[in-house]
Each structure stands twice: as structure tokens, then as C-alpha cells.
Amino acid sequence: MGLIWALIVGGVIGWLGGLIAGRDVPGGIIGNIVAGFVGAWLGTLLLGEWGPVIGGFAFIPALIGAIVVVLILSAIMRSARRA
């Protein structure tokens, strides 16, 4: 049950990151989950673990990290479309 909860929370974090950034995450639901997990890792690495912990993720650093990941992914996808 913990894995399912982590996937749901990771997906929500990725979705919120895309909403706040104003960009769509490539890959739909799977992309949201990946952006949430990678964003949580990046945010925790850079900002530490503070704020509320939900599903094993420190929510605020994970959300900030997800926003950064979404912006990076959208820039990469935009440049790949131009080429």
C-alpha cells in the first residue's frame, strides 16, 4: 500500500508542478509521476527535508523540485521540436 500511496503523491506533486509552471508534463500520468519523483529527489537534495511530509515526500521541496523539472523538460521538448 505504501508504494501505491507514493505513486499517487508523486503524481499529484508532478501535476501541481506542471500547473504552477504553466506547462504540460510530457507523458501524461506517467510523466507526472516521474516529474514528481525526480522533483522530490532534486528538491530534497537542494533544499533539505522541511515542511509537511506526505507519502514519504517532504512536500514543499518536492513541489519546488517538480516545478524545476517541468520547466527543464518543457525547454528540452521545445528545442527538440524545433530541430
C-alpha atoms as a PDB file:
ATOM      1  CA  MET A   1       0.000   0.000   0.000  1.00  0.00           C
ATOM      2  CA  GLY A   2       2.939   2.335   0.633  1.00  0.00           C
ATOM      3  CA  LEU A   3       4.094   2.093  -2.986  1.00  0.00           C
ATOM      4  CA  ILE A   4       0.646   2.971  -4.324  1.00  0.00           C
ATOM      5  CA  TRP A   5       0.429   5.940  -1.941  1.00  0.00           C
ATOM      6  CA  ALA A   6       3.894   7.135  -3.042  1.00  0.00           C
ATOM      7  CA  LEU A   7       2.889   6.858  -6.721  1.00  0.00           C
ATOM      8  CA  ILE A   8      -0.292   8.854  -6.097  1.00  0.00           C
ATOM      9  CA  VAL A   9       1.520  11.572  -4.136  1.00  0.00           C
ATOM     10  CA  GLY A  10       4.328  11.686  -6.728  1.00  0.00           C
ATOM     11  CA  GLY A  11       1.755  12.082  -9.495  1.00  0.00           C
ATOM     12  CA  VAL A  12      -0.028  14.877  -7.639  1.00  0.00           C
ATOM     13  CA  ILE A  13       3.265  16.672  -6.982  1.00  0.00           C
ATOM     14  CA  GLY A  14       4.187  16.408 -10.683  1.00  0.00           C
ATOM     15  CA  TRP A  15       0.721  17.590 -11.717  1.00  0.00           C
ATOM     16  CA  LEU A  16       0.861  20.569  -9.349  1.00  0.00           C
ATOM     17  CA  GLY A  17       4.358  21.390 -10.573  1.00  0.00           C
ATOM     18  CA  GLY A  18       3.083  21.486 -14.145  1.00  0.00           C
ATOM     19  CA  LEU A  19       0.102  23.597 -13.146  1.00  0.00           C
ATOM     20  CA  ILE A  20       2.230  26.145 -11.280  1.00  0.00           C
ATOM     21  CA  ALA A  21       4.835  26.241 -14.056  1.00  0.00           C
ATOM     22  CA  GLY A  22       2.090  26.702 -16.653  1.00  0.00           C
ATOM     23  CA  ARG A  23       3.390  23.840 -18.779  1.00  0.00           C
ATOM     24  CA  ASP A  24       2.183  20.339 -19.560  1.00  0.00           C
ATOM     25  CA  VAL A  25       4.337  17.453 -18.453  1.00  0.00           C
ATOM     26  CA  PRO A  26       5.199  15.247 -21.424  1.00  0.00           C
ATOM     27  CA  GLY A  27       3.984  11.680 -20.944  1.00  0.00           C
ATOM     28  CA  GLY A  28       0.673  12.296 -19.182  1.00  0.00           C
ATOM     29  CA  ILE A  29       0.161  10.469 -15.899  1.00  0.00           C
ATOM     30  CA  ILE A  30       3.462   8.593 -16.113  1.00  0.00           C
ATOM     31  CA  GLY A  31       5.241  11.882 -16.840  1.00  0.00           C
ATOM     32  CA  ASN A  32       3.595  13.455 -13.787  1.00  0.00           C
ATOM     33  CA  ILE A  33       4.724  10.584 -11.573  1.00  0.00           C
ATOM     34  CA  VAL A  34       8.280  10.751 -12.931  1.00  0.00           C
ATOM     35  CA  ALA A  35       8.373  14.550 -12.572  1.00  0.00           C
ATOM     36  CA  GLY A  36       7.085  14.191  -9.006  1.00  0.00           C
ATOM     37  CA  PHE A  37       9.686  11.592  -8.038  1.00  0.00           C
ATOM     38  CA  VAL A  38      12.595  13.347  -9.751  1.00  0.00           C
ATOM     39  CA  GLY A  39      11.398  16.704  -8.419  1.00  0.00           C
ATOM     40  CA  ALA A  40      11.171  15.302  -4.899  1.00  0.00           C
ATOM     41  CA  TRP A  41      14.688  13.944  -5.160  1.00  0.00           C
ATOM     42  CA  LEU A  42      16.054  17.196  -6.585  1.00  0.00           C
ATOM     43  CA  GLY A  43      14.157  19.413  -4.147  1.00  0.00           C
ATOM     44  CA  THR A  44      15.213  17.368  -1.135  1.00  0.00           C
ATOM     45  CA  LEU A  45      18.809  17.313  -2.359  1.00  0.00           C
ATOM     46  CA  LEU A  46      18.935  21.084  -2.792  1.00  0.00           C
ATOM     47  CA  LEU A  47      16.612  22.295  -0.023  1.00  0.00           C
ATOM     48  CA  GLY A  48      16.632  19.507   2.547  1.00  0.00           C
ATOM     49  CA  GLU A  49      13.640  17.908   4.217  1.00  0.00           C
ATOM     50  CA  TRP A  50      11.365  20.538   5.701  1.00  0.00           C
ATOM     51  CA  GLY A  51       7.659  21.187   5.634  1.00  0.00           C
ATOM     52  CA  PRO A  52       4.924  18.596   5.804  1.00  0.00           C
ATOM     53  CA  VAL A  53       5.828  15.031   4.824  1.00  0.00           C
ATOM     54  CA  ILE A  54       3.152  13.325   2.735  1.00  0.00           C
ATOM     55  CA  GLY A  55       3.638   9.833   1.345  1.00  0.00           C
ATOM     56  CA  GLY A  56       7.328   9.906   2.192  1.00  0.00           C
ATOM     57  CA  PHE A  57       7.904  13.196   0.347  1.00  0.00           C
ATOM     58  CA  ALA A  58       8.763  16.499   2.016  1.00  0.00           C
ATOM     59  CA  PHE A  59       6.012  18.316   0.156  1.00  0.00           C
ATOM     60  CA  ILE A  60       7.359  21.861  -0.276  1.00  0.00           C
ATOM     61  CA  PRO A  61      10.876  20.945  -1.513  1.00  0.00           C
ATOM     62  CA  ALA A  62       9.333  18.228  -3.706  1.00  0.00           C
ATOM     63  CA  LEU A  63       6.942  20.729  -5.270  1.00  0.00           C
ATOM     64  CA  ILE A  64       9.723  23.252  -5.926  1.00  0.00           C
ATOM     65  CA  GLY A  65      11.859  20.497  -7.439  1.00  0.00           C
ATOM     66  CA  ALA A  66       8.952  19.327  -9.616  1.00  0.00           C
ATOM     67  CA  ILE A  67       8.467  22.853 -10.941  1.00  0.00           C
ATOM     68  CA  VAL A  68      12.155  22.977 -11.912  1.00  0.00           C
ATOM     69  CA  VAL A  69      11.951  19.531 -13.557  1.00  0.00           C
ATOM     70  CA  VAL A  70       8.835  20.500 -15.534  1.00  0.00           C
ATOM     71  CA  LEU A  71      10.466  23.710 -16.766  1.00  0.00           C
ATOM     72  CA  ILE A  72      13.611  21.834 -17.812  1.00  0.00           C
ATOM     73  CA  LEU A  73      11.625  19.087 -19.564  1.00  0.00           C
ATOM     74  CA  SER A  74       9.438  21.570 -21.431  1.00  0.00           C
ATOM     75  CA  ALA A  75      12.525  23.523 -22.589  1.00  0.00           C
ATOM     76  CA  ILE A  76      14.146  20.311 -23.825  1.00  0.00           C
ATOM     77  CA  MET A  77      10.978  19.210 -25.611  1.00  0.00           C
ATOM     78  CA  ARG A  78      10.527  22.652 -27.191  1.00  0.00           C
ATOM     79  CA  SER A  79      14.090  22.673 -28.535  1.00  0.00           C
ATOM     80  CA  ALA A  80      13.701  19.102 -29.823  1.00  0.00           C
ATOM     81  CA  ARG A  81      10.562  20.114 -31.750  1.00  0.00           C
ATOM     82  CA  ARG A  82      12.408  22.999 -33.429  1.00  0.00           C
ATOM     83  CA  ALA A  83      15.259  20.790 -34.622  1.00  0.00           C
END
